Amino acid sequence: MKEKIFGQLIRELRINQKDYNSLREFARKVGLSPAYLSRIENQKEPPPSESIIERMAEALGIDKYELFSQAGKIPTEFLETFQKNPKSVASFMRRAQEYGIETDKDWKAIEDTLSRMKRKMK
């Protein structure tokens, strides 16, 4: 996703989504008042809560993690993992940075390797 301000991105995705080009329709779908959604889209409000971001992503048919990234937020599920294992998670992330793991292809390769390791451990 091209770097945009969260509200601008939501507006663009909503307008391009044939089912929700009306602000009122989209607000109703995700459980917001049209006024609040308008303030988000116009950068007068910060990105909304995790549950609203998830509903927005689902309604727009996009990956919720990409939308979390645009909102500058980390999903609770990842924070919980970090809180349980802060040193190990930080070490893993530092190592990924050191090795230049940046692209989706790089991360997919790590995911595949972890899946193979998990199967061998069973």
N, C-alpha and C. Protein backbone atom coordinates (compact mmCIF):
# COMPACT_ATOMS: atom_id res chain seq x y z
N MET A 1 0.83 -1.19 0.00
CA MET A 1 0.00 0.00 0.00
C MET A 1 0.87 1.24 0.00
N LYS A 2 0.54 2.16 -0.85
CA LYS A 2 1.28 3.41 -0.91
C LYS A 2 1.07 4.17 0.41
N GLU A 3 2.13 4.83 0.89
CA GLU A 3 2.06 5.57 2.14
C GLU A 3 1.07 6.73 2.02
N LYS A 4 0.08 6.73 2.86
CA LYS A 4 -0.91 7.80 2.92
C LYS A 4 -1.25 8.00 4.37
N ILE A 5 -1.84 9.12 4.63
CA ILE A 5 -2.39 9.34 5.96
C ILE A 5 -3.60 8.43 6.10
N PHE A 6 -3.80 7.87 7.28
CA PHE A 6 -4.85 6.88 7.50
C PHE A 6 -6.21 7.34 6.96
N GLY A 7 -6.63 8.53 7.34
CA GLY A 7 -7.94 9.03 6.91
C GLY A 7 -8.06 9.14 5.40
N GLN A 8 -6.98 9.60 4.76
CA GLN A 8 -6.99 9.71 3.29
C GLN A 8 -7.14 8.33 2.66
N LEU A 9 -6.44 7.36 3.22
CA LEU A 9 -6.50 6.00 2.69
C LEU A 9 -7.91 5.44 2.84
N ILE A 10 -8.52 5.62 3.99
CA ILE A 10 -9.88 5.12 4.21
C ILE A 10 -10.83 5.74 3.19
N ARG A 11 -10.74 7.05 3.02
CA ARG A 11 -11.62 7.73 2.06
C ARG A 11 -11.42 7.17 0.65
N GLU A 12 -10.16 7.04 0.23
CA GLU A 12 -9.88 6.54 -1.12
C GLU A 12 -10.41 5.13 -1.30
N LEU A 13 -10.14 4.25 -0.33
CA LEU A 13 -10.62 2.88 -0.43
C LEU A 13 -12.15 2.82 -0.42
N ARG A 14 -12.76 3.63 0.42
CA ARG A 14 -14.23 3.65 0.51
C ARG A 14 -14.84 4.11 -0.81
N ILE A 15 -14.32 5.18 -1.37
CA ILE A 15 -14.86 5.71 -2.62
C ILE A 15 -14.68 4.71 -3.77
N ASN A 16 -13.55 4.01 -3.77
CA ASN A 16 -13.29 3.03 -4.83
C ASN A 16 -14.05 1.72 -4.63
N GLN A 17 -14.61 1.53 -3.44
CA GLN A 17 -15.40 0.34 -3.14
C GLN A 17 -16.83 0.60 -3.60
N LYS A 18 -17.28 -0.14 -4.59
CA LYS A 18 -18.59 0.14 -5.18
C LYS A 18 -19.74 0.05 -4.18
N ASP A 19 -19.58 -0.75 -3.13
CA ASP A 19 -20.66 -0.90 -2.15
C ASP A 19 -20.74 0.24 -1.14
N TYR A 20 -19.64 0.99 -0.98
CA TYR A 20 -19.60 1.98 0.10
C TYR A 20 -19.11 3.35 -0.34
N ASN A 21 -19.46 3.79 -1.54
CA ASN A 21 -18.98 5.11 -1.92
C ASN A 21 -19.70 6.21 -1.16
N SER A 22 -20.79 5.88 -0.48
CA SER A 22 -21.46 6.84 0.40
C SER A 22 -20.84 6.75 1.79
N LEU A 23 -20.44 7.89 2.32
CA LEU A 23 -19.88 7.94 3.66
C LEU A 23 -20.87 7.37 4.67
N ARG A 24 -22.15 7.70 4.53
CA ARG A 24 -23.18 7.22 5.45
C ARG A 24 -23.31 5.69 5.42
N GLU A 25 -23.28 5.12 4.22
CA GLU A 25 -23.38 3.66 4.10
C GLU A 25 -22.21 2.97 4.78
N PHE A 26 -21.02 3.48 4.52
CA PHE A 26 -19.83 2.86 5.11
C PHE A 26 -19.82 3.04 6.63
N ALA A 27 -20.19 4.22 7.10
CA ALA A 27 -20.24 4.47 8.54
C ALA A 27 -21.21 3.49 9.20
N ARG A 28 -22.34 3.29 8.60
CA ARG A 28 -23.34 2.36 9.14
C ARG A 28 -22.78 0.94 9.16
N LYS A 29 -22.10 0.54 8.09
CA LYS A 29 -21.54 -0.81 7.99
C LYS A 29 -20.53 -1.09 9.09
N VAL A 30 -19.70 -0.11 9.43
CA VAL A 30 -18.65 -0.34 10.42
C VAL A 30 -19.05 0.13 11.82
N GLY A 31 -20.28 0.63 11.96
CA GLY A 31 -20.78 0.98 13.29
C GLY A 31 -20.30 2.32 13.82
N LEU A 32 -20.15 3.29 12.93
CA LEU A 32 -19.72 4.62 13.33
C LEU A 32 -20.78 5.64 12.93
N SER A 33 -20.73 6.78 13.56
CA SER A 33 -21.59 7.87 13.10
C SER A 33 -20.93 8.46 11.85
N PRO A 34 -21.71 8.93 10.90
CA PRO A 34 -21.12 9.56 9.72
C PRO A 34 -20.22 10.74 10.08
N ALA A 35 -20.60 11.50 11.10
CA ALA A 35 -19.79 12.65 11.50
C ALA A 35 -18.41 12.21 11.99
N TYR A 36 -18.36 11.13 12.79
CA TYR A 36 -17.07 10.63 13.29
C TYR A 36 -16.21 10.11 12.14
N LEU A 37 -16.82 9.35 11.23
CA LEU A 37 -16.08 8.84 10.07
C LEU A 37 -15.54 10.00 9.24
N SER A 38 -16.33 11.02 9.05
CA SER A 38 -15.88 12.19 8.30
C SER A 38 -14.67 12.83 8.97
N ARG A 39 -14.71 12.93 10.29
CA ARG A 39 -13.57 13.52 11.01
C ARG A 39 -12.32 12.66 10.87
N ILE A 40 -12.49 11.34 10.86
CA ILE A 40 -11.34 10.45 10.64
C ILE A 40 -10.77 10.68 9.25
N GLU A 41 -11.65 10.68 8.24
CA GLU A 41 -11.20 10.83 6.86
C GLU A 41 -10.53 12.19 6.63
N ASN A 42 -10.92 13.18 7.36
CA ASN A 42 -10.35 14.52 7.20
C ASN A 42 -9.24 14.83 8.20
N GLN A 43 -8.69 13.79 8.83
CA GLN A 43 -7.58 13.91 9.78
C GLN A 43 -7.88 14.81 10.98
N LYS A 44 -9.14 14.92 11.33
CA LYS A 44 -9.50 15.71 12.51
C LYS A 44 -9.62 14.80 13.74
N GLU A 45 -9.54 13.50 13.50
CA GLU A 45 -9.54 12.48 14.56
C GLU A 45 -8.40 11.52 14.24
N PRO A 46 -7.78 10.97 15.27
CA PRO A 46 -6.75 9.95 15.03
C PRO A 46 -7.41 8.65 14.56
N PRO A 47 -6.63 7.70 14.08
CA PRO A 47 -7.22 6.42 13.70
C PRO A 47 -8.02 5.83 14.86
N PRO A 48 -9.09 5.11 14.54
CA PRO A 48 -9.98 4.58 15.58
C PRO A 48 -9.40 3.36 16.30
N SER A 49 -10.22 2.74 17.12
CA SER A 49 -9.82 1.58 17.92
C SER A 49 -9.55 0.37 17.04
N GLU A 50 -8.92 -0.62 17.66
CA GLU A 50 -8.57 -1.85 16.96
C GLU A 50 -9.81 -2.52 16.36
N SER A 51 -10.88 -2.61 17.11
CA SER A 51 -12.07 -3.29 16.60
C SER A 51 -12.67 -2.56 15.40
N ILE A 52 -12.63 -1.25 15.41
CA ILE A 52 -13.16 -0.48 14.28
C ILE A 52 -12.26 -0.64 13.07
N ILE A 53 -10.95 -0.63 13.28
CA ILE A 53 -10.02 -0.85 12.17
C ILE A 53 -10.28 -2.22 11.55
N GLU A 54 -10.50 -3.23 12.36
CA GLU A 54 -10.79 -4.56 11.84
C GLU A 54 -12.08 -4.57 11.03
N ARG A 55 -13.11 -3.90 11.51
CA ARG A 55 -14.38 -3.83 10.76
C ARG A 55 -14.20 -3.07 9.45
N MET A 56 -13.41 -2.00 9.48
CA MET A 56 -13.14 -1.24 8.25
C MET A 56 -12.43 -2.13 7.23
N ALA A 57 -11.40 -2.83 7.68
CA ALA A 57 -10.64 -3.70 6.78
C ALA A 57 -11.55 -4.76 6.16
N GLU A 58 -12.38 -5.37 6.99
CA GLU A 58 -13.29 -6.40 6.48
C GLU A 58 -14.25 -5.82 5.45
N ALA A 59 -14.85 -4.68 5.77
CA ALA A 59 -15.82 -4.05 4.85
C ALA A 59 -15.16 -3.64 3.54
N LEU A 60 -13.90 -3.21 3.61
CA LEU A 60 -13.19 -2.76 2.42
C LEU A 60 -12.50 -3.90 1.67
N GLY A 61 -12.48 -5.09 2.28
CA GLY A 61 -11.85 -6.24 1.64
C GLY A 61 -10.34 -6.15 1.56
N ILE A 62 -9.73 -5.55 2.60
CA ILE A 62 -8.28 -5.45 2.62
C ILE A 62 -7.73 -6.15 3.86
N ASP A 63 -6.46 -6.42 3.84
CA ASP A 63 -5.81 -7.08 4.97
C ASP A 63 -5.80 -6.16 6.18
N LYS A 64 -6.28 -6.67 7.30
CA LYS A 64 -6.37 -5.82 8.49
C LYS A 64 -5.00 -5.39 8.99
N TYR A 65 -3.97 -6.19 8.77
CA TYR A 65 -2.64 -5.82 9.25
C TYR A 65 -2.06 -4.65 8.46
N GLU A 66 -2.39 -4.58 7.18
CA GLU A 66 -1.96 -3.42 6.39
C GLU A 66 -2.63 -2.16 6.90
N LEU A 67 -3.91 -2.28 7.27
CA LEU A 67 -4.63 -1.12 7.79
C LEU A 67 -4.11 -0.73 9.17
N PHE A 68 -3.78 -1.71 9.99
CA PHE A 68 -3.16 -1.41 11.30
C PHE A 68 -1.85 -0.65 11.09
N SER A 69 -1.07 -1.10 10.13
CA SER A 69 0.21 -0.44 9.85
C SER A 69 -0.02 1.01 9.44
N GLN A 70 -0.98 1.25 8.58
CA GLN A 70 -1.29 2.62 8.15
C GLN A 70 -1.77 3.48 9.32
N ALA A 71 -2.42 2.84 10.28
CA ALA A 71 -2.93 3.57 11.45
C ALA A 71 -1.83 3.79 12.49
N GLY A 72 -0.67 3.16 12.29
CA GLY A 72 0.41 3.28 13.26
C GLY A 72 0.12 2.52 14.54
N LYS A 73 -0.64 1.43 14.42
CA LYS A 73 -1.02 0.64 15.60
C LYS A 73 -0.54 -0.79 15.46
N ILE A 74 -0.34 -1.42 16.60
CA ILE A 74 0.06 -2.82 16.64
C ILE A 74 -1.10 -3.61 17.23
N PRO A 75 -1.56 -4.65 16.54
CA PRO A 75 -2.67 -5.45 17.05
C PRO A 75 -2.36 -6.06 18.41
N THR A 76 -3.38 -6.15 19.23
CA THR A 76 -3.24 -6.69 20.59
C THR A 76 -2.58 -8.06 20.60
N GLU A 77 -2.93 -8.90 19.62
CA GLU A 77 -2.37 -10.25 19.60
C GLU A 77 -0.84 -10.23 19.52
N PHE A 78 -0.28 -9.24 18.81
CA PHE A 78 1.17 -9.14 18.72
C PHE A 78 1.76 -8.53 19.99
N LEU A 79 1.07 -7.58 20.56
CA LEU A 79 1.54 -6.98 21.82
C LEU A 79 1.57 -8.03 22.92
N GLU A 80 0.57 -8.90 22.95
CA GLU A 80 0.53 -9.96 23.98
C GLU A 80 1.73 -10.90 23.83
N THR A 81 2.07 -11.25 22.60
CA THR A 81 3.24 -12.11 22.37
C THR A 81 4.51 -11.41 22.84
N PHE A 82 4.62 -10.13 22.50
CA PHE A 82 5.79 -9.36 22.92
C PHE A 82 5.85 -9.26 24.44
N GLN A 83 4.73 -9.03 25.09
CA GLN A 83 4.71 -8.90 26.55
C GLN A 83 5.08 -10.20 27.24
N LYS A 84 4.74 -11.34 26.65
CA LYS A 84 5.08 -12.64 27.24
C LYS A 84 6.55 -12.97 27.05
N ASN A 85 7.15 -12.49 25.96
CA ASN A 85 8.53 -12.84 25.60
C ASN A 85 9.29 -11.63 25.08
N PRO A 86 9.39 -10.55 25.86
CA PRO A 86 9.96 -9.32 25.31
C PRO A 86 11.39 -9.46 24.79
N LYS A 87 12.25 -10.14 25.53
CA LYS A 87 13.65 -10.25 25.08
C LYS A 87 13.77 -11.08 23.81
N SER A 88 13.06 -12.20 23.77
CA SER A 88 13.15 -13.08 22.60
C SER A 88 12.55 -12.45 21.36
N VAL A 89 11.40 -11.81 21.51
CA VAL A 89 10.77 -11.16 20.35
C VAL A 89 11.63 -10.01 19.85
N ALA A 90 12.16 -9.22 20.77
CA ALA A 90 13.03 -8.10 20.38
C ALA A 90 14.29 -8.63 19.68
N SER A 91 14.85 -9.70 20.21
CA SER A 91 16.05 -10.28 19.60
C SER A 91 15.74 -10.79 18.19
N PHE A 92 14.61 -11.45 18.03
CA PHE A 92 14.20 -11.96 16.72
C PHE A 92 14.03 -10.81 15.73
N MET A 93 13.38 -9.76 16.15
CA MET A 93 13.14 -8.61 15.26
C MET A 93 14.45 -7.90 14.91
N ARG A 94 15.34 -7.76 15.90
CA ARG A 94 16.65 -7.15 15.61
C ARG A 94 17.42 -7.98 14.59
N ARG A 95 17.38 -9.28 14.77
CA ARG A 95 18.10 -10.18 13.86
C ARG A 95 17.51 -10.07 12.45
N ALA A 96 16.20 -9.99 12.35
CA ALA A 96 15.56 -9.83 11.04
C ALA A 96 16.03 -8.53 10.38
N GLN A 97 16.13 -7.47 11.17
CA GLN A 97 16.61 -6.19 10.63
C GLN A 97 18.06 -6.31 10.17
N GLU A 98 18.90 -6.95 11.00
CA GLU A 98 20.31 -7.12 10.65
C GLU A 98 20.48 -7.88 9.34
N TYR A 99 19.63 -8.88 9.11
CA TYR A 99 19.72 -9.70 7.91
C TYR A 99 19.02 -9.06 6.72
N GLY A 100 18.42 -7.90 6.93
CA GLY A 100 17.76 -7.19 5.83
C GLY A 100 16.44 -7.80 5.40
N ILE A 101 15.75 -8.43 6.35
CA ILE A 101 14.43 -9.00 6.04
C ILE A 101 13.45 -7.84 5.91
N GLU A 102 12.99 -7.59 4.69
CA GLU A 102 12.14 -6.42 4.46
C GLU A 102 10.90 -6.72 3.64
N THR A 103 11.01 -7.59 2.65
CA THR A 103 9.90 -7.79 1.72
C THR A 103 8.95 -8.88 2.22
N ASP A 104 7.76 -8.88 1.65
CA ASP A 104 6.80 -9.94 1.97
C ASP A 104 7.39 -11.31 1.61
N LYS A 105 8.16 -11.35 0.52
CA LYS A 105 8.79 -12.62 0.11
C LYS A 105 9.77 -13.10 1.18
N ASP A 106 10.55 -12.18 1.74
CA ASP A 106 11.50 -12.54 2.81
C ASP A 106 10.76 -13.10 4.02
N TRP A 107 9.70 -12.41 4.44
CA TRP A 107 8.95 -12.84 5.62
C TRP A 107 8.23 -14.16 5.37
N LYS A 108 7.76 -14.37 4.14
CA LYS A 108 7.09 -15.63 3.79
C LYS A 108 8.08 -16.77 3.87
N ALA A 109 9.31 -16.54 3.46
CA ALA A 109 10.34 -17.58 3.55
C ALA A 109 10.59 -17.96 5.01
N ILE A 110 10.62 -16.98 5.89
CA ILE A 110 10.79 -17.27 7.32
C ILE A 110 9.58 -18.04 7.85
N GLU A 111 8.40 -17.61 7.46
CA GLU A 111 7.18 -18.30 7.89
C GLU A 111 7.20 -19.77 7.45
N ASP A 112 7.59 -20.01 6.20
CA ASP A 112 7.66 -21.38 5.68
C ASP A 112 8.68 -22.21 6.46
N THR A 113 9.82 -21.61 6.76
CA THR A 113 10.85 -22.30 7.54
C THR A 113 10.33 -22.66 8.94
N LEU A 114 9.65 -21.72 9.58
CA LEU A 114 9.09 -22.00 10.91
C LEU A 114 8.05 -23.11 10.86
N SER A 115 7.23 -23.13 9.80
CA SER A 115 6.24 -24.19 9.65
C SER A 115 6.91 -25.55 9.50
N ARG A 116 7.98 -25.62 8.71
CA ARG A 116 8.70 -26.89 8.55
C ARG A 116 9.32 -27.33 9.88
N MET A 117 9.88 -26.37 10.62
CA MET A 117 10.48 -26.70 11.92
C MET A 117 9.42 -27.25 12.88
N LYS A 118 8.27 -26.63 12.90
CA LYS A 118 7.17 -27.03 13.79
C LYS A 118 6.74 -28.46 13.46
N ARG A 119 6.62 -28.76 12.16
CA ARG A 119 6.20 -30.13 11.75
C ARG A 119 7.24 -31.15 12.20
N LYS A 120 8.53 -30.83 12.11
CA LYS A 120 9.58 -31.75 12.52
C LYS A 120 9.57 -32.00 14.03
N MET A 121 9.11 -31.01 14.78
CA MET A 121 9.10 -31.12 16.25
C MET A 121 7.98 -32.01 16.74
N LYS A 122 6.99 -32.29 15.91
CA LYS A 122 5.85 -33.11 16.34
C LYS A 122 6.16 -34.56 16.40
